[in-house]
Amino acid sequence: MSQMNYVRKTTLDAVSGLTTSELDFLPSREGNSIGALLLHIAAVEKGFQIEIFDGRRPNEQEMLEWGSPYSLGEKGRKNINGYPLDFYITKLEEIRHRTLQKFEMMTDEWLYENRLWDHYPSNNYFIGFHVFEDEINHRGQIRIIRKMMSKE
């Protein structure tokens, strides 16, 4: 199993069995639900795909679909709720599938290509690492939220 698949598998393990109401649980007035965090993970990777693989910024339609989960906050609390676990898993798996397909076609040299990212010098390796690091950080948040729910 690749490290990317391991990251995704452990994320899915962290949410296994959650109900829609548990996915929608808000740990605080300003917090994010587990469902919103799952969709955010997918949105960050989708943004990576658009920017790095497609070489462009998200279009209007993509912003309508992915803008709320990307930025979270009030938009996320308002727009991301009422979905069953399968909805989030499907989104995560679809996104990861494309990433893995594209990575199979890339060379090691591609990983180290110099590029600007948010106006800073970077390379594809660093940017990809950031995407997967983001997922791991949010998985930690998900585990904390699950513990909070079990104490309620």
N, C-alpha and C. Protein backbone atom coordinates (compact mmCIF):
# COMPACT_ATOMS: atom_id res chain seq x y z
N MET A 1 0.86 -1.18 0.00
CA MET A 1 0.00 0.00 0.00
C MET A 1 0.90 1.24 0.00
N SER A 2 0.62 2.17 -0.90
CA SER A 2 1.42 3.40 -0.94
C SER A 2 1.14 4.25 0.30
N GLN A 3 2.06 5.15 0.58
CA GLN A 3 1.87 6.04 1.73
C GLN A 3 0.62 6.89 1.57
N MET A 4 0.32 7.31 0.34
CA MET A 4 -0.89 8.11 0.12
C MET A 4 -2.14 7.31 0.43
N ASN A 5 -2.14 6.04 0.01
CA ASN A 5 -3.31 5.21 0.31
C ASN A 5 -3.41 4.92 1.80
N TYR A 6 -2.27 4.78 2.47
CA TYR A 6 -2.29 4.57 3.91
C TYR A 6 -2.88 5.79 4.62
N VAL A 7 -2.48 6.99 4.19
CA VAL A 7 -3.04 8.22 4.78
C VAL A 7 -4.55 8.22 4.61
N ARG A 8 -5.04 7.94 3.41
CA ARG A 8 -6.48 7.96 3.17
C ARG A 8 -7.17 6.86 3.95
N LYS A 9 -6.59 5.64 4.00
CA LYS A 9 -7.21 4.54 4.74
C LYS A 9 -7.34 4.89 6.21
N THR A 10 -6.32 5.48 6.80
CA THR A 10 -6.40 5.81 8.22
C THR A 10 -7.39 6.94 8.46
N THR A 11 -7.56 7.83 7.50
CA THR A 11 -8.61 8.85 7.62
C THR A 11 -9.98 8.19 7.60
N LEU A 12 -10.18 7.27 6.67
CA LEU A 12 -11.48 6.58 6.59
C LEU A 12 -11.73 5.73 7.82
N ASP A 13 -10.68 5.11 8.36
CA ASP A 13 -10.82 4.35 9.61
C ASP A 13 -11.28 5.26 10.75
N ALA A 14 -10.81 6.50 10.76
CA ALA A 14 -11.13 7.45 11.83
C ALA A 14 -12.61 7.85 11.83
N VAL A 15 -13.30 7.68 10.70
CA VAL A 15 -14.70 8.10 10.62
C VAL A 15 -15.65 6.91 10.45
N SER A 16 -15.12 5.72 10.45
CA SER A 16 -15.92 4.53 10.24
C SER A 16 -17.12 4.47 11.20
N GLY A 17 -18.28 4.21 10.62
CA GLY A 17 -19.48 4.02 11.42
C GLY A 17 -20.20 5.28 11.88
N LEU A 18 -19.70 6.45 11.52
CA LEU A 18 -20.36 7.68 11.99
C LEU A 18 -21.70 7.89 11.29
N THR A 19 -22.66 8.36 12.05
CA THR A 19 -23.98 8.68 11.52
C THR A 19 -23.96 10.10 10.95
N THR A 20 -25.00 10.44 10.23
CA THR A 20 -25.11 11.79 9.68
C THR A 20 -25.11 12.83 10.79
N SER A 21 -25.82 12.59 11.87
CA SER A 21 -25.84 13.58 12.96
C SER A 21 -24.46 13.71 13.62
N GLU A 22 -23.71 12.62 13.69
CA GLU A 22 -22.34 12.70 14.24
C GLU A 22 -21.43 13.45 13.26
N LEU A 23 -21.61 13.23 11.98
CA LEU A 23 -20.82 13.95 10.98
C LEU A 23 -21.12 15.45 11.00
N ASP A 24 -22.34 15.81 11.41
CA ASP A 24 -22.77 17.22 11.45
C ASP A 24 -22.50 17.89 12.80
N PHE A 25 -22.10 17.14 13.80
CA PHE A 25 -21.87 17.68 15.15
C PHE A 25 -20.84 18.81 15.10
N LEU A 26 -21.20 19.95 15.69
CA LEU A 26 -20.28 21.08 15.79
C LEU A 26 -19.70 21.14 17.21
N PRO A 27 -18.39 21.05 17.34
CA PRO A 27 -17.78 21.05 18.67
C PRO A 27 -17.87 22.41 19.38
N SER A 28 -18.09 23.46 18.59
CA SER A 28 -18.26 24.81 19.14
C SER A 28 -18.97 25.67 18.10
N ARG A 29 -19.38 26.83 18.51
CA ARG A 29 -20.09 27.74 17.61
C ARG A 29 -19.24 28.11 16.39
N GLU A 30 -17.95 28.21 16.56
CA GLU A 30 -17.05 28.61 15.49
C GLU A 30 -16.31 27.42 14.88
N GLY A 31 -16.61 26.20 15.34
CA GLY A 31 -15.88 25.02 14.89
C GLY A 31 -16.37 24.45 13.58
N ASN A 32 -15.71 23.39 13.17
CA ASN A 32 -16.08 22.68 11.96
C ASN A 32 -16.52 21.27 12.32
N SER A 33 -17.49 20.78 11.58
CA SER A 33 -17.96 19.41 11.80
C SER A 33 -16.98 18.42 11.15
N ILE A 34 -17.12 17.17 11.53
CA ILE A 34 -16.31 16.12 10.90
C ILE A 34 -16.62 16.05 9.41
N GLY A 35 -17.88 16.15 9.05
CA GLY A 35 -18.25 16.14 7.63
C GLY A 35 -17.58 17.28 6.86
N ALA A 36 -17.59 18.46 7.46
CA ALA A 36 -16.95 19.61 6.80
C ALA A 36 -15.45 19.38 6.65
N LEU A 37 -14.82 18.80 7.66
CA LEU A 37 -13.39 18.52 7.58
C LEU A 37 -13.10 17.49 6.49
N LEU A 38 -13.95 16.48 6.36
CA LEU A 38 -13.76 15.48 5.31
C LEU A 38 -13.86 16.12 3.93
N LEU A 39 -14.87 16.96 3.75
CA LEU A 39 -15.03 17.61 2.45
C LEU A 39 -13.90 18.62 2.21
N HIS A 40 -13.40 19.24 3.28
CA HIS A 40 -12.26 20.14 3.16
C HIS A 40 -11.02 19.38 2.67
N ILE A 41 -10.79 18.20 3.23
CA ILE A 41 -9.66 17.37 2.80
C ILE A 41 -9.76 17.12 1.29
N ALA A 42 -10.96 16.76 0.83
CA ALA A 42 -11.16 16.52 -0.61
C ALA A 42 -10.96 17.81 -1.41
N ALA A 43 -11.45 18.93 -0.89
CA ALA A 43 -11.34 20.21 -1.60
C ALA A 43 -9.88 20.66 -1.75
N VAL A 44 -9.08 20.46 -0.71
CA VAL A 44 -7.66 20.84 -0.79
C VAL A 44 -6.97 20.01 -1.87
N GLU A 45 -7.25 18.72 -1.89
CA GLU A 45 -6.63 17.86 -2.91
C GLU A 45 -7.17 18.20 -4.30
N LYS A 46 -8.44 18.53 -4.41
CA LYS A 46 -9.02 18.94 -5.70
C LYS A 46 -8.34 20.22 -6.18
N GLY A 47 -8.14 21.16 -5.28
CA GLY A 47 -7.44 22.40 -5.64
C GLY A 47 -6.02 22.12 -6.12
N PHE A 48 -5.34 21.20 -5.46
CA PHE A 48 -4.00 20.78 -5.87
C PHE A 48 -4.05 20.23 -7.30
N GLN A 49 -5.03 19.37 -7.58
CA GLN A 49 -5.15 18.79 -8.92
C GLN A 49 -5.36 19.86 -9.98
N ILE A 50 -6.25 20.79 -9.70
CA ILE A 50 -6.55 21.84 -10.67
C ILE A 50 -5.31 22.70 -10.91
N GLU A 51 -4.68 23.12 -9.84
CA GLU A 51 -3.53 24.02 -9.97
C GLU A 51 -2.30 23.31 -10.55
N ILE A 52 -1.97 22.14 -10.05
CA ILE A 52 -0.73 21.47 -10.43
C ILE A 52 -0.90 20.61 -11.68
N PHE A 53 -1.92 19.76 -11.73
CA PHE A 53 -2.10 18.88 -12.88
C PHE A 53 -2.70 19.61 -14.08
N ASP A 54 -3.69 20.49 -13.82
CA ASP A 54 -4.37 21.17 -14.91
C ASP A 54 -3.73 22.51 -15.26
N GLY A 55 -2.86 23.04 -14.37
CA GLY A 55 -2.14 24.28 -14.64
C GLY A 55 -3.01 25.52 -14.71
N ARG A 56 -4.02 25.58 -13.85
CA ARG A 56 -4.92 26.74 -13.88
C ARG A 56 -5.53 26.97 -12.50
N ARG A 57 -6.30 28.02 -12.40
CA ARG A 57 -7.06 28.31 -11.19
C ARG A 57 -8.45 27.68 -11.32
N PRO A 58 -9.13 27.41 -10.21
CA PRO A 58 -10.49 26.85 -10.30
C PRO A 58 -11.43 27.78 -11.06
N ASN A 59 -12.31 27.19 -11.86
CA ASN A 59 -13.30 27.99 -12.59
C ASN A 59 -14.52 28.26 -11.70
N GLU A 60 -15.48 28.96 -12.24
CA GLU A 60 -16.66 29.36 -11.47
C GLU A 60 -17.45 28.15 -10.96
N GLN A 61 -17.64 27.15 -11.81
CA GLN A 61 -18.38 25.95 -11.41
C GLN A 61 -17.64 25.21 -10.29
N GLU A 62 -16.33 25.08 -10.42
CA GLU A 62 -15.54 24.42 -9.39
C GLU A 62 -15.58 25.20 -8.07
N MET A 63 -15.59 26.50 -8.15
CA MET A 63 -15.69 27.31 -6.93
C MET A 63 -17.05 27.13 -6.27
N LEU A 64 -18.11 26.99 -7.07
CA LEU A 64 -19.43 26.75 -6.48
C LEU A 64 -19.44 25.43 -5.72
N GLU A 65 -18.83 24.40 -6.28
CA GLU A 65 -18.82 23.09 -5.65
C GLU A 65 -17.84 23.01 -4.48
N TRP A 66 -16.65 23.59 -4.64
CA TRP A 66 -15.57 23.36 -3.69
C TRP A 66 -15.22 24.57 -2.82
N GLY A 67 -15.80 25.73 -3.08
CA GLY A 67 -15.45 26.94 -2.33
C GLY A 67 -15.75 26.85 -0.84
N SER A 68 -16.96 26.41 -0.49
CA SER A 68 -17.32 26.29 0.93
C SER A 68 -16.46 25.29 1.66
N PRO A 69 -16.27 24.08 1.13
CA PRO A 69 -15.41 23.15 1.86
C PRO A 69 -13.95 23.57 1.90
N TYR A 70 -13.50 24.31 0.90
CA TYR A 70 -12.11 24.75 0.91
C TYR A 70 -11.87 25.76 2.03
N SER A 71 -12.77 26.73 2.13
CA SER A 71 -12.56 27.80 3.12
C SER A 71 -13.18 27.52 4.48
N LEU A 72 -14.16 26.60 4.55
CA LEU A 72 -14.82 26.24 5.81
C LEU A 72 -15.47 27.46 6.46
N GLY A 73 -15.30 27.66 7.76
CA GLY A 73 -15.90 28.80 8.45
C GLY A 73 -17.42 28.79 8.36
N GLU A 74 -18.00 29.97 8.34
CA GLU A 74 -19.45 30.11 8.32
C GLU A 74 -20.08 29.44 7.11
N LYS A 75 -19.45 29.61 5.93
CA LYS A 75 -19.97 28.96 4.72
C LYS A 75 -20.01 27.44 4.89
N GLY A 76 -18.97 26.89 5.45
CA GLY A 76 -18.93 25.45 5.67
C GLY A 76 -20.00 24.99 6.64
N ARG A 77 -20.16 25.75 7.74
CA ARG A 77 -21.19 25.36 8.73
C ARG A 77 -22.58 25.43 8.12
N LYS A 78 -22.79 26.39 7.23
CA LYS A 78 -24.11 26.56 6.61
C LYS A 78 -24.37 25.53 5.52
N ASN A 79 -23.36 25.26 4.70
CA ASN A 79 -23.57 24.47 3.48
C ASN A 79 -23.19 22.99 3.57
N ILE A 80 -22.43 22.61 4.59
CA ILE A 80 -21.97 21.22 4.64
C ILE A 80 -22.62 20.52 5.82
N ASN A 81 -23.76 19.93 5.57
CA ASN A 81 -24.45 19.15 6.59
C ASN A 81 -25.55 18.33 5.93
N GLY A 82 -25.96 17.29 6.64
CA GLY A 82 -27.05 16.45 6.15
C GLY A 82 -26.62 15.33 5.22
N TYR A 83 -25.33 15.15 5.04
CA TYR A 83 -24.83 14.10 4.15
C TYR A 83 -24.43 12.86 4.93
N PRO A 84 -24.71 11.67 4.39
CA PRO A 84 -24.27 10.44 5.04
C PRO A 84 -22.77 10.22 4.80
N LEU A 85 -22.19 9.33 5.56
CA LEU A 85 -20.76 9.03 5.44
C LEU A 85 -20.37 8.62 4.03
N ASP A 86 -21.22 7.84 3.36
CA ASP A 86 -20.90 7.39 1.99
C ASP A 86 -20.66 8.56 1.04
N PHE A 87 -21.37 9.67 1.22
CA PHE A 87 -21.18 10.86 0.39
C PHE A 87 -19.73 11.34 0.48
N TYR A 88 -19.23 11.46 1.70
CA TYR A 88 -17.87 11.96 1.91
C TYR A 88 -16.83 10.95 1.43
N ILE A 89 -17.06 9.69 1.70
CA ILE A 89 -16.11 8.67 1.26
C ILE A 89 -16.01 8.64 -0.25
N THR A 90 -17.13 8.75 -0.94
CA THR A 90 -17.13 8.77 -2.40
C THR A 90 -16.31 9.94 -2.93
N LYS A 91 -16.53 11.12 -2.37
CA LYS A 91 -15.76 12.30 -2.80
C LYS A 91 -14.27 12.09 -2.57
N LEU A 92 -13.91 11.63 -1.38
CA LEU A 92 -12.49 11.41 -1.05
C LEU A 92 -11.86 10.39 -1.99
N GLU A 93 -12.56 9.31 -2.26
CA GLU A 93 -12.01 8.26 -3.13
C GLU A 93 -11.89 8.72 -4.57
N GLU A 94 -12.88 9.46 -5.07
CA GLU A 94 -12.80 9.98 -6.44
C GLU A 94 -11.60 10.90 -6.62
N ILE A 95 -11.42 11.78 -5.68
CA ILE A 95 -10.31 12.74 -5.75
C ILE A 95 -8.98 12.00 -5.68
N ARG A 96 -8.83 11.09 -4.71
CA ARG A 96 -7.56 10.38 -4.55
C ARG A 96 -7.25 9.52 -5.77
N HIS A 97 -8.26 8.92 -6.36
CA HIS A 97 -8.06 8.10 -7.54
C HIS A 97 -7.38 8.90 -8.66
N ARG A 98 -7.86 10.11 -8.89
CA ARG A 98 -7.25 10.95 -9.94
C ARG A 98 -5.81 11.30 -9.57
N THR A 99 -5.57 11.63 -8.32
CA THR A 99 -4.21 11.97 -7.89
C THR A 99 -3.27 10.80 -8.15
N LEU A 100 -3.68 9.61 -7.77
CA LEU A 100 -2.84 8.44 -7.97
C LEU A 100 -2.59 8.16 -9.45
N GLN A 101 -3.63 8.33 -10.26
CA GLN A 101 -3.46 8.14 -11.71
C GLN A 101 -2.43 9.11 -12.27
N LYS A 102 -2.53 10.36 -11.88
CA LYS A 102 -1.60 11.38 -12.38
C LYS A 102 -0.19 11.12 -11.88
N PHE A 103 -0.04 10.77 -10.61
CA PHE A 103 1.29 10.50 -10.07
C PHE A 103 1.97 9.35 -10.80
N GLU A 104 1.21 8.35 -11.22
CA GLU A 104 1.79 7.23 -11.95
C GLU A 104 2.44 7.68 -13.25
N MET A 105 1.95 8.77 -13.83
CA MET A 105 2.47 9.27 -15.11
C MET A 105 3.65 10.23 -14.93
N MET A 106 3.89 10.70 -13.72
CA MET A 106 4.93 11.69 -13.48
C MET A 106 6.28 11.03 -13.21
N THR A 107 7.33 11.74 -13.57
CA THR A 107 8.68 11.27 -13.30
C THR A 107 9.18 11.84 -11.98
N ASP A 108 10.26 11.28 -11.49
CA ASP A 108 10.88 11.84 -10.28
C ASP A 108 11.33 13.28 -10.53
N GLU A 109 11.75 13.57 -11.74
CA GLU A 109 12.18 14.94 -12.06
C GLU A 109 11.03 15.92 -11.90
N TRP A 110 9.82 15.48 -12.26
CA TRP A 110 8.64 16.33 -12.12
C TRP A 110 8.45 16.76 -10.67
N LEU A 111 8.71 15.83 -9.74
CA LEU A 111 8.56 16.16 -8.31
C LEU A 111 9.38 17.38 -7.91
N TYR A 112 10.54 17.51 -8.50
CA TYR A 112 11.48 18.56 -8.09
C TYR A 112 11.50 19.77 -9.02
N GLU A 113 10.54 19.83 -9.94
CA GLU A 113 10.44 21.00 -10.81
C GLU A 113 10.19 22.23 -9.96
N ASN A 114 10.98 23.27 -10.21
CA ASN A 114 10.78 24.53 -9.49
C ASN A 114 9.53 25.21 -10.01
N ARG A 115 8.78 25.79 -9.08
CA ARG A 115 7.56 26.52 -9.43
C ARG A 115 7.24 27.49 -8.31
N LEU A 116 6.38 28.43 -8.60
CA LEU A 116 5.90 29.33 -7.56
C LEU A 116 4.61 28.75 -7.00
N TRP A 117 4.47 28.86 -5.70
CA TRP A 117 3.24 28.44 -5.03
C TRP A 117 2.90 29.52 -4.02
N ASP A 118 1.76 30.17 -4.22
CA ASP A 118 1.39 31.34 -3.41
C ASP A 118 2.52 32.37 -3.40
N HIS A 119 3.12 32.56 -4.55
CA HIS A 119 4.19 33.55 -4.77
C HIS A 119 5.51 33.19 -4.10
N TYR A 120 5.66 31.96 -3.63
CA TYR A 120 6.91 31.52 -3.00
C TYR A 120 7.54 30.42 -3.84
N PRO A 121 8.87 30.40 -3.90
CA PRO A 121 9.53 29.31 -4.63
C PRO A 121 9.22 27.97 -3.98
N SER A 122 8.93 26.99 -4.80
CA SER A 122 8.55 25.69 -4.28
C SER A 122 8.84 24.63 -5.34
N ASN A 123 8.35 23.41 -5.10
CA ASN A 123 8.38 22.36 -6.11
C ASN A 123 7.17 21.44 -5.88
N ASN A 124 6.93 20.55 -6.82
CA ASN A 124 5.74 19.69 -6.75
C ASN A 124 5.78 18.75 -5.55
N TYR A 125 6.97 18.34 -5.17
CA TYR A 125 7.12 17.46 -4.00
C TYR A 125 6.60 18.16 -2.74
N PHE A 126 7.05 19.39 -2.52
CA PHE A 126 6.64 20.14 -1.33
C PHE A 126 5.14 20.40 -1.34
N ILE A 127 4.61 20.76 -2.50
CA ILE A 127 3.18 21.08 -2.58
C ILE A 127 2.34 19.82 -2.31
N GLY A 128 2.73 18.70 -2.92
CA GLY A 128 2.02 17.44 -2.66
C GLY A 128 2.11 17.03 -1.21
N PHE A 129 3.29 17.18 -0.62
CA PHE A 129 3.47 16.87 0.79
C PHE A 129 2.52 17.71 1.64
N HIS A 130 2.37 18.99 1.31
CA HIS A 130 1.49 19.87 2.07
C HIS A 130 0.04 19.39 2.01
N VAL A 131 -0.39 18.91 0.86
CA VAL A 131 -1.76 18.40 0.70
C VAL A 131 -2.00 17.23 1.65
N PHE A 132 -1.07 16.29 1.69
CA PHE A 132 -1.25 15.10 2.53
C PHE A 132 -1.04 15.42 4.00
N GLU A 133 -0.17 16.37 4.29
CA GLU A 133 0.01 16.82 5.67
C GLU A 133 -1.29 17.46 6.19
N ASP A 134 -1.96 18.20 5.33
CA ASP A 134 -3.24 18.83 5.69
C ASP A 134 -4.25 17.76 6.09
N GLU A 135 -4.32 16.68 5.33
CA GLU A 135 -5.24 15.59 5.65
C GLU A 135 -4.91 14.99 7.02
N ILE A 136 -3.64 14.77 7.28
CA ILE A 136 -3.23 14.17 8.55
C ILE A 136 -3.59 15.09 9.72
N ASN A 137 -3.38 16.40 9.56
CA ASN A 137 -3.73 17.34 10.62
C ASN A 137 -5.23 17.32 10.90
N HIS A 138 -6.03 17.30 9.85
CA HIS A 138 -7.48 17.29 10.06
C HIS A 138 -7.96 15.96 10.63
N ARG A 139 -7.26 14.89 10.32
CA ARG A 139 -7.61 13.61 10.93
C ARG A 139 -7.44 13.70 12.44
N GLY A 140 -6.44 14.40 12.90
CA GLY A 140 -6.27 14.61 14.34
C GLY A 140 -7.45 15.38 14.92
N GLN A 141 -7.89 16.41 14.21
CA GLN A 141 -9.06 17.16 14.66
C GLN A 141 -10.30 16.26 14.73
N ILE A 142 -10.45 15.41 13.73
CA ILE A 142 -11.59 14.50 13.70
C ILE A 142 -11.58 13.59 14.93
N ARG A 143 -10.43 13.09 15.29
CA ARG A 143 -10.34 12.22 16.48
C ARG A 143 -10.70 12.98 17.75
N ILE A 144 -10.28 14.22 17.84
CA ILE A 144 -10.63 15.05 19.01
C ILE A 144 -12.14 15.27 19.06
N ILE A 145 -12.75 15.58 17.92
CA ILE A 145 -14.21 15.80 17.88
C ILE A 145 -14.95 14.53 18.27
N ARG A 146 -14.47 13.39 17.80
CA ARG A 146 -15.12 12.11 18.19
C ARG A 146 -15.07 11.92 19.70
N LYS A 147 -13.96 12.26 20.32
CA LYS A 147 -13.84 12.13 21.79
C LYS A 147 -14.79 13.10 22.47
N MET A 148 -14.93 14.30 21.91
CA MET A 148 -15.86 15.27 22.48
C MET A 148 -17.29 14.75 22.41
N MET A 149 -17.65 14.12 21.31
CA MET A 149 -19.01 13.58 21.15
C MET A 149 -19.27 12.45 22.16
N SER A 150 -18.26 11.63 22.40
CA SER A 150 -18.46 10.50 23.31
C SER A 150 -18.65 10.95 24.75
N LYS A 151 -18.21 12.17 25.07
CA LYS A 151 -18.36 12.69 26.43
C LYS A 151 -19.68 13.43 26.62
N GLU A 152 -20.37 13.69 25.53
CA GLU A 152 -21.64 14.45 25.63
C GLU A 152 -22.78 13.55 26.04
